[in-house]
Every structure is written in C-alpha cells, then in structure tokens.
C-alpha cells in the first residue's frame, strides 16, 4: 500500500478519535456534575474554539477529519487492502463511502465554527419547515428506521467481533485490550444511535414535532431517566473508549494487503 494512504489514514484516525474524546469528556463531566454539559459534535467544536489556540485546533481537526473521509473513500473506491469484490465486501465499501460523506460534513462543521462567531445552538430549532408536514413525517420515520438498523448492526458486529476484525489488530501488541476498548466504545455509540433513532421515529409517528435531534439530545435524554447520571456516565466513558480506540489504531493497526 502507498505510504501516503497510510499517512492519510493515521491522521484521520487521530482526528476522529480526538473529537469523540472531547464529546465523551464533556458529557462525563456533566454526568458527574463537574461543570461540563451533555455534548454533541457542535458542542465539542464550540468547546475547542473557546480554548487557547482554539482556531488552530479547529483548523487541524477539520483537515484531519477530511483525511479520514479521504481514507473512507479510498477504501470504498480503490480497495487498497484488497478486501475483495464479493457481496459482503461491496456492502462494506458502500458503508465506508457513506461514512466518508458523514465525516466530510463534520469537517465542514469544524471549518464553519472556525470562520463564524461563537456557536449558539438550540436543540429545539426547527429545520426544513418548507416541507409538507406529512412528507416530513415519512422522512423522519425513514431516518429513524435507518438509524435503528445501524444501531442493531453495530451491536451485532461488536458482539460477534466482525466489526473489529476490519481493523487488522490480530497479532498486534496488546490487541486483546484494544479490541475490548473498541468493543465497549462501539456498544456506547450503538446505544446513542438507537436513542436518536427513537427520537426520529417518535417525531415522525406521534408528535409531529420535527426537531432534528443528535448526540447532545441523546445524553440529555439519558439524564432524565431514573438512573440517568449513571447511564450517562457509562455512555460517556464508552465514547471516550471509542475515541481512544481510534487513537490506538495509529500505533497498532496493520495496513497489510490481504
């Protein structure tokens, strides 16, 4: 594999890991009532901007997330690790392509924060009000179903190990510990995805309230439950584990072709 591909992948892993570490850290502080707040991507980016050298961090993070997107696109189009062309491989490559699109959007968000004034997000802001409410309800139901399936796939993939096999950790130093950290992180991410799926399905089917929800709302939802603080803390630690896992990949992931 080309050395440039590996460099792009490693920079991307660091950037993805870093943003999840920030989200998890802020949410954990909120769960422990130590001054943080339930956090999503926008809130994490706003937090970084408020720090010393925040604009530099956002610039580097945005560029790094673009690298991660490029790595996803390279895997889906060029298949640099020779994953094959069977049905499962094609499905995986399609999934990688959509992931690349998602992180391209996150990179754009980072640059948006860099170039604009301080973020004043409101989870209750309504979007797409120009679309007919009935059509919007179907759209939200569709998004909810997709997220529901994604969450289930993440849980099954983490449980069976196939989701972690793609990172080529077998035989690497400390690979069992790293896989355990990654598995916990994927479970936490799946849990949050399922909560967001619930938000979209509820908005589409029952309430007609077409607010777009995200990770921050999922953490806030957990905080409202009976054991909310404990649940929120466990999930936040899971996000920290998820971020740490991608940082570990920079050192222990193998890029050998199959």
C-alpha atoms as a PDB file:
ATOM      1  CA  UNK A   1       0.000   0.000   0.000  1.00  0.00           C
ATOM      2  CA  UNK A   2       1.183   3.535  -0.723  1.00  0.00           C
ATOM      3  CA  UNK A   3       2.775   5.307   2.208  1.00  0.00           C
ATOM      4  CA  UNK A   4       0.596   8.366   1.500  1.00  0.00           C
ATOM      5  CA  UNK A   5      -2.536   6.257   2.072  1.00  0.00           C
ATOM      6  CA  UNK A   6      -1.254   5.164   5.481  1.00  0.00           C
ATOM      7  CA  UNK A   7      -0.416   8.747   6.413  1.00  0.00           C
ATOM      8  CA  UNK A   8      -3.902   9.916   5.445  1.00  0.00           C
ATOM      9  CA  UNK A   9      -5.471   7.079   7.455  1.00  0.00           C
ATOM     10  CA  UNK A  10      -3.375   7.745  10.567  1.00  0.00           C
ATOM     11  CA  UNK A  11      -4.109  11.486  10.558  1.00  0.00           C
ATOM     12  CA  UNK A  12      -7.789  10.636  10.098  1.00  0.00           C
ATOM     13  CA  UNK A  13      -7.809   8.171  12.995  1.00  0.00           C
ATOM     14  CA  UNK A  14      -6.258  10.738  15.329  1.00  0.00           C
ATOM     15  CA  UNK A  15      -8.821  13.370  14.339  1.00  0.00           C
ATOM     16  CA  UNK A  16     -11.829  11.083  14.669  1.00  0.00           C
ATOM     17  CA  UNK A  17     -10.570   9.765  17.985  1.00  0.00           C
ATOM     18  CA  UNK A  18      -9.971  13.282  19.277  1.00  0.00           C
ATOM     19  CA  UNK A  19     -13.494  14.550  18.569  1.00  0.00           C
ATOM     20  CA  UNK A  20     -15.050  11.558  20.351  1.00  0.00           C
ATOM     21  CA  UNK A  21     -12.691  12.016  23.292  1.00  0.00           C
ATOM     22  CA  UNK A  22     -13.883  15.612  23.646  1.00  0.00           C
ATOM     23  CA  UNK A  23     -17.573  14.625  23.386  1.00  0.00           C
ATOM     24  CA  UNK A  24     -17.119  11.866  25.946  1.00  0.00           C
ATOM     25  CA  UNK A  25     -15.071  14.049  28.289  1.00  0.00           C
ATOM     26  CA  UNK A  26     -17.602  16.907  28.310  1.00  0.00           C
ATOM     27  CA  UNK A  27     -20.533  14.517  28.786  1.00  0.00           C
ATOM     28  CA  UNK A  28     -18.732  12.701  31.610  1.00  0.00           C
ATOM     29  CA  UNK A  29     -18.140  15.991  33.416  1.00  0.00           C
ATOM     30  CA  UNK A  30     -21.850  16.744  33.021  1.00  0.00           C
ATOM     31  CA  UNK A  31     -22.820  13.315  34.386  1.00  0.00           C
ATOM     32  CA  UNK A  32     -20.544  13.827  37.396  1.00  0.00           C
ATOM     33  CA  UNK A  33     -21.832  17.404  37.811  1.00  0.00           C
ATOM     34  CA  UNK A  34     -18.331  18.798  37.492  1.00  0.00           C
ATOM     35  CA  UNK A  35     -19.146  21.658  35.167  1.00  0.00           C
ATOM     36  CA  UNK A  36     -19.468  20.017  31.768  1.00  0.00           C
ATOM     37  CA  UNK A  37     -22.565  19.646  29.654  1.00  0.00           C
ATOM     38  CA  UNK A  38     -24.104  16.892  27.576  1.00  0.00           C
ATOM     39  CA  UNK A  39     -22.276  17.211  24.302  1.00  0.00           C
ATOM     40  CA  UNK A  40     -22.643  16.518  20.626  1.00  0.00           C
ATOM     41  CA  UNK A  41     -20.371  17.334  17.704  1.00  0.00           C
ATOM     42  CA  UNK A  42     -21.359  21.010  17.510  1.00  0.00           C
ATOM     43  CA  UNK A  43     -20.861  21.495  21.237  1.00  0.00           C
ATOM     44  CA  UNK A  44     -17.463  19.779  21.129  1.00  0.00           C
ATOM     45  CA  UNK A  45     -16.346  22.027  18.279  1.00  0.00           C
ATOM     46  CA  UNK A  46     -17.586  25.113  20.124  1.00  0.00           C
ATOM     47  CA  UNK A  47     -15.682  23.977  23.228  1.00  0.00           C
ATOM     48  CA  UNK A  48     -12.477  23.594  21.237  1.00  0.00           C
ATOM     49  CA  UNK A  49     -12.883  27.033  19.699  1.00  0.00           C
ATOM     50  CA  UNK A  50     -13.147  28.593  23.165  1.00  0.00           C
ATOM     51  CA  UNK A  51      -9.799  27.123  24.245  1.00  0.00           C
ATOM     52  CA  UNK A  52      -6.369  28.777  23.836  1.00  0.00           C
ATOM     53  CA  UNK A  53      -5.250  28.265  20.242  1.00  0.00           C
ATOM     54  CA  UNK A  54      -8.811  27.071  19.551  1.00  0.00           C
ATOM     55  CA  UNK A  55      -8.830  28.281  15.964  1.00  0.00           C
ATOM     56  CA  UNK A  56      -5.614  26.408  15.244  1.00  0.00           C
ATOM     57  CA  UNK A  57      -7.129  23.259  16.772  1.00  0.00           C
ATOM     58  CA  UNK A  58     -10.262  23.605  14.650  1.00  0.00           C
ATOM     59  CA  UNK A  59      -8.177  24.100  11.509  1.00  0.00           C
ATOM     60  CA  UNK A  60      -6.106  20.986  12.224  1.00  0.00           C
ATOM     61  CA  UNK A  61      -9.157  18.978  13.250  1.00  0.00           C
ATOM     62  CA  UNK A  62     -11.087  19.943  10.114  1.00  0.00           C
ATOM     63  CA  UNK A  63      -8.138  18.976   7.929  1.00  0.00           C
ATOM     64  CA  UNK A  64      -7.722  15.723   9.865  1.00  0.00           C
ATOM     65  CA  UNK A  65     -11.374  14.796   9.501  1.00  0.00           C
ATOM     66  CA  UNK A  66     -11.092  15.417   5.772  1.00  0.00           C
ATOM     67  CA  UNK A  67      -8.197  12.944   5.807  1.00  0.00           C
ATOM     68  CA  UNK A  68     -10.455  10.411   7.494  1.00  0.00           C
ATOM     69  CA  UNK A  69     -13.087  10.994   4.818  1.00  0.00           C
ATOM     70  CA  UNK A  70     -10.476  10.523   2.085  1.00  0.00           C
ATOM     71  CA  UNK A  71      -9.385   7.243   3.709  1.00  0.00           C
ATOM     72  CA  UNK A  72     -13.010   6.061   3.714  1.00  0.00           C
ATOM     73  CA  UNK A  73     -13.368   6.995   0.033  1.00  0.00           C
ATOM     74  CA  UNK A  74     -10.078   5.293  -0.838  1.00  0.00           C
ATOM     75  CA  UNK A  75     -11.218   2.079   0.843  1.00  0.00           C
ATOM     76  CA  UNK A  76     -14.581   2.170  -0.883  1.00  0.00           C
ATOM     77  CA  UNK A  77     -13.293   3.023  -4.386  1.00  0.00           C
ATOM     78  CA  UNK A  78      -9.709   1.771  -4.688  1.00  0.00           C
ATOM     79  CA  UNK A  79      -9.810  -1.054  -2.108  1.00  0.00           C
ATOM     80  CA  UNK A  80      -6.114  -0.595  -1.185  1.00  0.00           C
ATOM     81  CA  UNK A  81      -6.180  -3.569   1.222  1.00  0.00           C
ATOM     82  CA  UNK A  82      -7.692  -5.963  -1.325  1.00  0.00           C
ATOM     83  CA  UNK A  83     -10.813  -6.787   0.666  1.00  0.00           C
ATOM     84  CA  UNK A  84     -12.336  -8.426  -2.393  1.00  0.00           C
ATOM     85  CA  UNK A  85     -15.426  -7.895  -4.509  1.00  0.00           C
ATOM     86  CA  UNK A  86     -17.940 -10.369  -3.083  1.00  0.00           C
ATOM     87  CA  UNK A  87     -21.327  -9.264  -1.817  1.00  0.00           C
ATOM     88  CA  UNK A  88     -20.197  -8.564   1.746  1.00  0.00           C
ATOM     89  CA  UNK A  89     -17.166  -6.632   0.514  1.00  0.00           C
ATOM     90  CA  UNK A  90     -19.338  -4.482  -1.733  1.00  0.00           C
ATOM     91  CA  UNK A  91     -21.748  -3.744   1.112  1.00  0.00           C
ATOM     92  CA  UNK A  92     -18.831  -2.795   3.332  1.00  0.00           C
ATOM     93  CA  UNK A  93     -17.401  -0.500   0.665  1.00  0.00           C
ATOM     94  CA  UNK A  94     -20.774   1.213   0.268  1.00  0.00           C
ATOM     95  CA  UNK A  95     -20.915   1.687   4.044  1.00  0.00           C
ATOM     96  CA  UNK A  96     -17.418   3.175   4.014  1.00  0.00           C
ATOM     97  CA  UNK A  97     -18.416   5.588   1.268  1.00  0.00           C
ATOM     98  CA  UNK A  98     -21.418   6.853   3.264  1.00  0.00           C
ATOM     99  CA  UNK A  99     -19.185   7.181   6.339  1.00  0.00           C
ATOM    100  CA  UNK A 100     -16.845   9.314   4.252  1.00  0.00           C
ATOM    101  CA  UNK A 101     -19.737  11.614   3.384  1.00  0.00           C
ATOM    102  CA  UNK A 102     -20.699  11.921   7.055  1.00  0.00           C
ATOM    103  CA  UNK A 103     -17.192  12.902   8.161  1.00  0.00           C
ATOM    104  CA  UNK A 104     -16.860  15.309   5.271  1.00  0.00           C
ATOM    105  CA  UNK A 105     -19.896  17.055   6.737  1.00  0.00           C
ATOM    106  CA  UNK A 106     -18.292  17.038  10.209  1.00  0.00           C
ATOM    107  CA  UNK A 107     -15.122  18.554   8.727  1.00  0.00           C
ATOM    108  CA  UNK A 108     -17.234  21.281   7.103  1.00  0.00           C
ATOM    109  CA  UNK A 109     -18.802  21.930  10.530  1.00  0.00           C
ATOM    110  CA  UNK A 110     -15.324  22.385  12.007  1.00  0.00           C
ATOM    111  CA  UNK A 111     -14.421  24.928   9.323  1.00  0.00           C
ATOM    112  CA  UNK A 112     -17.801  26.627   9.834  1.00  0.00           C
ATOM    113  CA  UNK A 113     -17.024  27.120  13.537  1.00  0.00           C
ATOM    114  CA  UNK A 114     -13.586  28.381  12.572  1.00  0.00           C
ATOM    115  CA  UNK A 115     -14.969  31.046  10.245  1.00  0.00           C
ATOM    116  CA  UNK A 116     -18.050  32.182  12.198  1.00  0.00           C
ATOM    117  CA  UNK A 117     -18.839  33.714  15.569  1.00  0.00           C
ATOM    118  CA  UNK A 118     -19.466  31.613  18.667  1.00  0.00           C
ATOM    119  CA  UNK A 119     -21.929  28.773  18.309  1.00  0.00           C
ATOM    120  CA  UNK A 120     -25.334  29.314  19.853  1.00  0.00           C
ATOM    121  CA  UNK A 121     -27.014  26.037  19.072  1.00  0.00           C
ATOM    122  CA  UNK A 122     -30.539  25.232  20.129  1.00  0.00           C
ATOM    123  CA  UNK A 123     -31.731  21.654  20.050  1.00  0.00           C
ATOM    124  CA  UNK A 124     -35.272  22.916  19.605  1.00  0.00           C
ATOM    125  CA  UNK A 125     -34.541  24.739  16.351  1.00  0.00           C
ATOM    126  CA  UNK A 126     -36.863  23.523  13.604  1.00  0.00           C
ATOM    127  CA  UNK A 127     -35.474  22.539  10.249  1.00  0.00           C
ATOM    128  CA  UNK A 128     -36.960  22.004   6.801  1.00  0.00           C
ATOM    129  CA  UNK A 129     -40.161  23.893   7.668  1.00  0.00           C
ATOM    130  CA  UNK A 130     -40.757  24.406   3.961  1.00  0.00           C
ATOM    131  CA  UNK A 131     -41.526  20.668   3.514  1.00  0.00           C
ATOM    132  CA  UNK A 132     -45.084  19.419   3.901  1.00  0.00           C
ATOM    133  CA  UNK A 133     -45.536  18.031   7.470  1.00  0.00           C
ATOM    134  CA  UNK A 134     -46.821  14.679   6.197  1.00  0.00           C
ATOM    135  CA  UNK A 135     -43.849  14.254   3.866  1.00  0.00           C
ATOM    136  CA  UNK A 136     -41.506  15.331   6.652  1.00  0.00           C
ATOM    137  CA  UNK A 137     -43.040  12.730   8.968  1.00  0.00           C
ATOM    138  CA  UNK A 138     -42.265   9.997   6.424  1.00  0.00           C
ATOM    139  CA  UNK A 139     -38.724  11.338   6.058  1.00  0.00           C
ATOM    140  CA  UNK A 140     -38.223  11.222   9.826  1.00  0.00           C
ATOM    141  CA  UNK A 141     -39.642   7.706  10.030  1.00  0.00           C
ATOM    142  CA  UNK A 142     -37.268   6.641   7.261  1.00  0.00           C
ATOM    143  CA  UNK A 143     -34.287   8.192   9.054  1.00  0.00           C
ATOM    144  CA  UNK A 144     -35.381   6.529  12.284  1.00  0.00           C
ATOM    145  CA  UNK A 145     -35.550   3.112  10.631  1.00  0.00           C
ATOM    146  CA  UNK A 146     -32.109   3.555   9.039  1.00  0.00           C
ATOM    147  CA  UNK A 147     -30.621   4.578  12.401  1.00  0.00           C
ATOM    148  CA  UNK A 148     -32.377   1.684  14.128  1.00  0.00           C
ATOM    149  CA  UNK A 149     -30.855  -0.785  11.671  1.00  0.00           C
ATOM    150  CA  UNK A 150     -27.451   0.890  12.010  1.00  0.00           C
ATOM    151  CA  UNK A 151     -27.569   0.614  15.794  1.00  0.00           C
ATOM    152  CA  UNK A 152     -28.506  -3.079  15.648  1.00  0.00           C
ATOM    153  CA  UNK A 153     -25.743  -3.768  13.117  1.00  0.00           C
ATOM    154  CA  UNK A 154     -23.211  -2.023  15.372  1.00  0.00           C
ATOM    155  CA  UNK A 155     -24.255  -4.137  18.354  1.00  0.00           C
ATOM    156  CA  UNK A 156     -24.176  -7.406  16.407  1.00  0.00           C
ATOM    157  CA  UNK A 157     -20.876  -6.509  14.726  1.00  0.00           C
ATOM    158  CA  UNK A 158     -19.225  -5.601  18.040  1.00  0.00           C
ATOM    159  CA  UNK A 159     -20.600  -8.690  19.787  1.00  0.00           C
ATOM    160  CA  UNK A 160     -19.534 -11.145  17.084  1.00  0.00           C
ATOM    161  CA  UNK A 161     -16.243  -9.349  16.505  1.00  0.00           C
ATOM    162  CA  UNK A 162     -16.578  -8.810  12.767  1.00  0.00           C
ATOM    163  CA  UNK A 163     -16.783  -5.055  13.219  1.00  0.00           C
ATOM    164  CA  UNK A 164     -13.393  -5.089  14.918  1.00  0.00           C
ATOM    165  CA  UNK A 165     -11.795  -7.588  12.534  1.00  0.00           C
ATOM    166  CA  UNK A 166     -11.729  -4.971   9.784  1.00  0.00           C
ATOM    167  CA  UNK A 167      -9.055  -3.035  11.705  1.00  0.00           C
ATOM    168  CA  UNK A 168      -6.438  -5.807  11.340  1.00  0.00           C
ATOM    169  CA  UNK A 169      -5.427  -5.846  15.012  1.00  0.00           C
ATOM    170  CA  UNK A 170      -4.942  -9.602  15.340  1.00  0.00           C
ATOM    171  CA  UNK A 171      -1.381 -10.445  16.323  1.00  0.00           C
ATOM    172  CA  UNK A 172      -0.526  -6.863  17.233  1.00  0.00           C
ATOM    173  CA  UNK A 173       0.794  -5.974  20.673  1.00  0.00           C
ATOM    174  CA  UNK A 174      -1.984  -5.542  23.275  1.00  0.00           C
ATOM    175  CA  UNK A 175      -4.589  -6.389  20.614  1.00  0.00           C
ATOM    176  CA  UNK A 176      -6.965  -8.057  23.097  1.00  0.00           C
ATOM    177  CA  UNK A 177      -7.065  -4.987  25.326  1.00  0.00           C
ATOM    178  CA  UNK A 178      -7.500  -2.673  22.338  1.00  0.00           C
ATOM    179  CA  UNK A 179     -10.328  -4.824  20.955  1.00  0.00           C
ATOM    180  CA  UNK A 180     -12.059  -4.729  24.357  1.00  0.00           C
ATOM    181  CA  UNK A 181     -11.771  -0.936  24.456  1.00  0.00           C
ATOM    182  CA  UNK A 182     -13.113  -0.730  20.906  1.00  0.00           C
ATOM    183  CA  UNK A 183     -15.984  -3.127  21.629  1.00  0.00           C
ATOM    184  CA  UNK A 184     -17.114  -1.056  24.619  1.00  0.00           C
ATOM    185  CA  UNK A 185     -16.882   2.089  22.520  1.00  0.00           C
ATOM    186  CA  UNK A 186     -18.953   0.604  19.690  1.00  0.00           C
ATOM    187  CA  UNK A 187     -21.615  -0.513  22.179  1.00  0.00           C
ATOM    188  CA  UNK A 188     -21.827   3.035  23.558  1.00  0.00           C
ATOM    189  CA  UNK A 189     -22.063   4.515  20.076  1.00  0.00           C
ATOM    190  CA  UNK A 190     -24.762   1.996  19.130  1.00  0.00           C
ATOM    191  CA  UNK A 191     -26.728   2.887  22.272  1.00  0.00           C
ATOM    192  CA  UNK A 192     -26.704   6.586  21.394  1.00  0.00           C
ATOM    193  CA  UNK A 193     -27.649   5.825  17.764  1.00  0.00           C
ATOM    194  CA  UNK A 194     -30.646   3.810  18.997  1.00  0.00           C
ATOM    195  CA  UNK A 195     -31.786   6.703  21.205  1.00  0.00           C
ATOM    196  CA  UNK A 196     -31.535   9.121  18.269  1.00  0.00           C
ATOM    197  CA  UNK A 197     -33.474   6.595  16.157  1.00  0.00           C
ATOM    198  CA  UNK A 198     -36.177   6.656  18.821  1.00  0.00           C
ATOM    199  CA  UNK A 199     -36.294  10.471  18.639  1.00  0.00           C
ATOM    200  CA  UNK A 200     -36.807  10.421  14.868  1.00  0.00           C
ATOM    201  CA  UNK A 201     -39.416   7.657  14.966  1.00  0.00           C
ATOM    202  CA  UNK A 202     -41.326   9.387  17.762  1.00  0.00           C
ATOM    203  CA  UNK A 203     -41.203  12.724  15.915  1.00  0.00           C
ATOM    204  CA  UNK A 204     -42.408  11.097  12.694  1.00  0.00           C
ATOM    205  CA  UNK A 205     -45.141   8.896  14.134  1.00  0.00           C
ATOM    206  CA  UNK A 206     -46.535  10.559  17.230  1.00  0.00           C
ATOM    207  CA  UNK A 207     -45.731  14.156  17.979  1.00  0.00           C
ATOM    208  CA  UNK A 208     -45.374  15.902  14.645  1.00  0.00           C
ATOM    209  CA  UNK A 209     -42.522  17.751  16.341  1.00  0.00           C
ATOM    210  CA  UNK A 210     -39.905  17.862  13.598  1.00  0.00           C
ATOM    211  CA  UNK A 211     -36.890  18.949  15.611  1.00  0.00           C
ATOM    212  CA  UNK A 212     -33.673  17.280  14.498  1.00  0.00           C
ATOM    213  CA  UNK A 213     -32.016  15.545  17.447  1.00  0.00           C
ATOM    214  CA  UNK A 214     -28.425  14.498  17.911  1.00  0.00           C
ATOM    215  CA  UNK A 215     -25.908  13.185  20.411  1.00  0.00           C
ATOM    216  CA  UNK A 216     -26.388  16.059  22.841  1.00  0.00           C
ATOM    217  CA  UNK A 217     -30.124  15.319  22.998  1.00  0.00           C
ATOM    218  CA  UNK A 218     -29.413  11.612  23.497  1.00  0.00           C
ATOM    219  CA  UNK A 219     -27.209  12.350  26.511  1.00  0.00           C
ATOM    220  CA  UNK A 220     -29.809  14.771  27.876  1.00  0.00           C
ATOM    221  CA  UNK A 221     -32.496  12.088  27.416  1.00  0.00           C
ATOM    222  CA  UNK A 222     -30.427   9.638  29.483  1.00  0.00           C
ATOM    223  CA  UNK A 223     -30.043  12.264  32.183  1.00  0.00           C
ATOM    224  CA  UNK A 224     -33.842  12.358  32.568  1.00  0.00           C
ATOM    225  CA  UNK A 225     -34.180   8.634  33.324  1.00  0.00           C
ATOM    226  CA  UNK A 226     -34.218   7.067  36.796  1.00  0.00           C
ATOM    227  CA  UNK A 227     -30.554   6.128  36.710  1.00  0.00           C
ATOM    228  CA  UNK A 228     -29.746   8.900  34.258  1.00  0.00           C
ATOM    229  CA  UNK A 229     -26.477  10.139  35.709  1.00  0.00           C
ATOM    230  CA  UNK A 230     -25.054   6.619  35.966  1.00  0.00           C
ATOM    231  CA  UNK A 231     -26.239   5.716  32.463  1.00  0.00           C
ATOM    232  CA  UNK A 232     -24.916   8.972  31.051  1.00  0.00           C
ATOM    233  CA  UNK A 233     -21.541   8.456  32.749  1.00  0.00           C
ATOM    234  CA  UNK A 234     -21.196   4.901  31.423  1.00  0.00           C
ATOM    235  CA  UNK A 235     -22.074   6.036  27.896  1.00  0.00           C
ATOM    236  CA  UNK A 236     -19.690   8.985  28.128  1.00  0.00           C
ATOM    237  CA  UNK A 237     -16.889   6.624  29.184  1.00  0.00           C
ATOM    238  CA  UNK A 238     -17.880   4.466  26.205  1.00  0.00           C
ATOM    239  CA  UNK A 239     -17.398   7.464  23.906  1.00  0.00           C
ATOM    240  CA  UNK A 240     -14.015   8.119  25.485  1.00  0.00           C
ATOM    241  CA  UNK A 241     -13.162   4.455  24.833  1.00  0.00           C
ATOM    242  CA  UNK A 242     -14.351   4.809  21.234  1.00  0.00           C
ATOM    243  CA  UNK A 243     -12.117   7.840  20.744  1.00  0.00           C
ATOM    244  CA  UNK A 244      -9.165   6.128  22.442  1.00  0.00           C
ATOM    245  CA  UNK A 245      -9.640   3.096  20.209  1.00  0.00           C
ATOM    246  CA  UNK A 246      -9.128   5.164  17.058  1.00  0.00           C
ATOM    247  CA  UNK A 247      -6.056   6.801  18.573  1.00  0.00           C
ATOM    248  CA  UNK A 248      -4.693   3.308  19.343  1.00  0.00           C
ATOM    249  CA  UNK A 249      -5.202   2.368  15.697  1.00  0.00           C
ATOM    250  CA  UNK A 250      -2.484   4.830  14.714  1.00  0.00           C
ATOM    251  CA  UNK A 251       0.035   2.642  16.508  1.00  0.00           C
ATOM    252  CA  UNK A 252      -1.311  -0.889  16.281  1.00  0.00           C
ATOM    253  CA  UNK A 253      -3.430  -1.202  13.123  1.00  0.00           C
ATOM    254  CA  UNK A 254      -1.901  -3.256  10.335  1.00  0.00           C
ATOM    255  CA  UNK A 255      -2.238  -1.969   6.775  1.00  0.00           C
ATOM    256  CA  UNK A 256      -1.083  -5.175   5.098  1.00  0.00           C
ATOM    257  CA  UNK A 257      -2.938  -6.223   1.976  1.00  0.00           C
ATOM    258  CA  UNK A 258      -4.951  -9.432   2.140  1.00  0.00           C
END
